[in-house]
Amino acid sequence: MKLFYGKFILLLLIIVAGFAYGQNSDYNLPPGYTLMPGKAVIDLSFKLDGKKLEKEISPNELKFLKEIDDSELHLTSPQYQQYIQEGKAFINSMSAKVKSIYSTDELWYIYAFDQELKEKLAKIH
């Protein structure tokens, strides 16, 4: 009976881990970041149409990166350093129009959580 329960628990863990990984597959998350179950991803595409939300989005809702000063970035993993470098390149490549619509925090959020909007913004000149 113990063997049955052990296999059942192992199978359950594999299913849960697969589901959690599957949830994150559409995102470009930093190395080591885990999306919390039930966390709603904020859709910022409304700003392209000049629309406003009834409820203001707080800057804390957009935070997901570690609070690391640039001078200490070398202390992180090479994968995290590369993620930050690529994210900064994405943000720097955005047109003045995009930068007038979205804040830097919002662009970081889009870089990580909304690949469709990220591609759309990259095409705006």
Protein backbone atom coordinates (compact mmCIF):
# COMPACT_ATOMS: atom_id res chain seq x y z
CA MET A 1 0.00 0.00 0.00
CA LYS A 2 2.89 2.39 0.80
CA LEU A 3 4.29 1.79 -2.68
CA PHE A 4 0.97 2.78 -4.22
CA TYR A 5 0.81 6.02 -2.26
CA GLY A 6 4.44 6.80 -3.08
CA LYS A 7 3.83 6.35 -6.80
CA PHE A 8 0.61 8.33 -6.58
CA ILE A 9 2.34 11.25 -4.86
CA LEU A 10 5.20 11.16 -7.38
CA LEU A 11 2.73 11.18 -10.28
CA LEU A 12 0.83 14.06 -8.70
CA LEU A 13 4.04 16.07 -8.28
CA ILE A 14 4.98 15.46 -11.92
CA ILE A 15 1.56 16.64 -13.09
CA VAL A 16 1.67 19.76 -10.92
CA ALA A 17 5.22 20.60 -12.03
CA GLY A 18 4.27 20.08 -15.68
CA PHE A 19 1.23 22.32 -15.27
CA ALA A 20 3.29 25.04 -13.60
CA TYR A 21 5.94 24.89 -16.31
CA GLY A 22 3.27 24.90 -19.02
CA GLN A 23 1.76 28.06 -17.56
CA ASN A 24 5.04 29.93 -17.92
CA SER A 25 5.84 28.81 -21.45
CA ASP A 26 4.22 31.88 -23.03
CA TYR A 27 6.29 34.23 -20.91
CA ASN A 28 9.87 35.46 -21.04
CA LEU A 29 10.59 35.25 -17.33
CA PRO A 30 13.95 35.90 -15.71
CA PRO A 31 15.97 32.83 -14.69
CA GLY A 32 14.72 31.51 -11.38
CA TYR A 33 11.43 33.42 -11.49
CA THR A 34 8.32 31.39 -10.78
CA LEU A 35 4.90 32.74 -11.61
CA MET A 36 2.72 32.31 -8.56
CA PRO A 37 -0.41 30.21 -9.14
CA GLY A 38 -3.44 32.40 -9.64
CA LYS A 39 -1.39 35.53 -10.37
CA ALA A 40 -3.22 37.53 -12.98
CA VAL A 41 -1.05 39.00 -15.70
CA ILE A 42 -1.84 42.64 -16.45
CA ASP A 43 -2.74 43.37 -20.06
CA LEU A 44 -1.17 46.73 -20.94
CA SER A 45 -2.25 46.73 -24.59
CA PHE A 46 -5.12 49.12 -23.81
CA LYS A 47 -2.59 51.97 -23.63
CA LEU A 48 -1.86 51.67 -27.37
CA ASP A 49 -5.41 52.82 -28.06
CA GLY A 50 -5.13 55.71 -25.62
CA LYS A 51 -7.63 54.10 -23.24
CA LYS A 52 -7.47 54.43 -19.49
CA LEU A 53 -8.41 51.93 -16.80
CA GLU A 54 -10.91 52.68 -14.06
CA LYS A 55 -8.38 51.49 -11.47
CA GLU A 56 -4.84 52.83 -11.64
CA ILE A 57 -2.07 50.21 -11.94
CA SER A 58 0.42 50.69 -9.14
CA PRO A 59 4.14 50.43 -9.91
CA ASN A 60 4.34 47.58 -7.35
CA GLU A 61 1.98 45.48 -9.47
CA LEU A 62 4.51 45.68 -12.31
CA LYS A 63 7.58 44.77 -10.24
CA PHE A 64 8.99 41.31 -10.81
CA LEU A 65 12.75 41.86 -11.20
CA LYS A 66 15.18 41.59 -8.32
CA GLU A 67 16.14 44.95 -6.84
CA ILE A 68 19.79 44.85 -7.91
CA ASP A 69 21.93 47.90 -8.52
CA ASP A 70 23.78 47.88 -11.87
CA SER A 71 27.07 47.91 -9.99
CA GLU A 72 26.11 44.60 -8.32
CA LEU A 73 24.69 42.86 -11.39
CA HIS A 74 27.99 41.00 -11.87
CA LEU A 75 27.21 39.13 -8.63
CA THR A 76 24.19 37.41 -10.23
CA SER A 77 24.19 34.36 -12.47
CA PRO A 78 25.38 34.74 -16.08
CA GLN A 79 21.87 33.79 -17.23
CA TYR A 80 20.31 36.59 -15.19
CA GLN A 81 22.91 39.07 -16.46
CA GLN A 82 22.07 38.07 -20.04
CA TYR A 83 18.34 38.42 -19.36
CA ILE A 84 18.86 41.95 -18.04
CA GLN A 85 21.12 42.85 -20.97
CA GLU A 86 18.56 41.59 -23.51
CA GLY A 87 15.73 43.37 -21.69
CA LYS A 88 17.62 46.65 -21.72
CA ALA A 89 18.36 46.20 -25.44
CA PHE A 90 14.64 45.66 -26.07
CA ILE A 91 13.68 48.79 -24.13
CA ASN A 92 16.40 50.89 -25.78
CA SER A 93 15.23 49.72 -29.21
CA MET A 94 11.72 51.07 -28.67
CA SER A 95 10.68 54.10 -30.65
CA ALA A 96 10.10 57.48 -29.05
CA LYS A 97 6.37 56.97 -29.65
CA VAL A 98 6.35 53.70 -27.65
CA LYS A 99 8.43 55.29 -24.89
CA SER A 100 5.93 58.15 -24.69
CA ILE A 101 3.10 55.64 -24.12
CA TYR A 102 4.80 53.17 -21.77
CA SER A 103 7.04 53.70 -18.75
CA THR A 104 10.26 51.73 -18.34
CA ASP A 105 8.60 49.52 -15.70
CA GLU A 106 5.73 48.82 -18.08
CA LEU A 107 8.14 47.93 -20.90
CA TRP A 108 9.98 45.53 -18.60
CA TYR A 109 6.65 43.97 -17.67
CA ILE A 110 5.69 43.61 -21.34
CA TYR A 111 9.13 42.13 -22.09
CA ALA A 112 8.48 39.39 -19.53
CA PHE A 113 4.74 38.75 -19.67
CA ASP A 114 3.24 39.79 -23.03
CA GLN A 115 5.15 38.45 -26.02
CA GLU A 116 2.40 39.40 -28.47
CA LEU A 117 2.41 43.05 -27.36
CA LYS A 118 6.22 43.00 -27.29
CA GLU A 119 6.28 42.03 -30.97
CA LYS A 120 3.66 44.66 -31.81
CA LEU A 121 5.63 47.41 -30.07
CA ALA A 122 8.82 46.42 -31.86
CA LYS A 123 7.10 47.23 -35.18
CA ILE A 124 6.05 50.76 -34.17
CA HIS A 125 8.35 53.48 -35.50
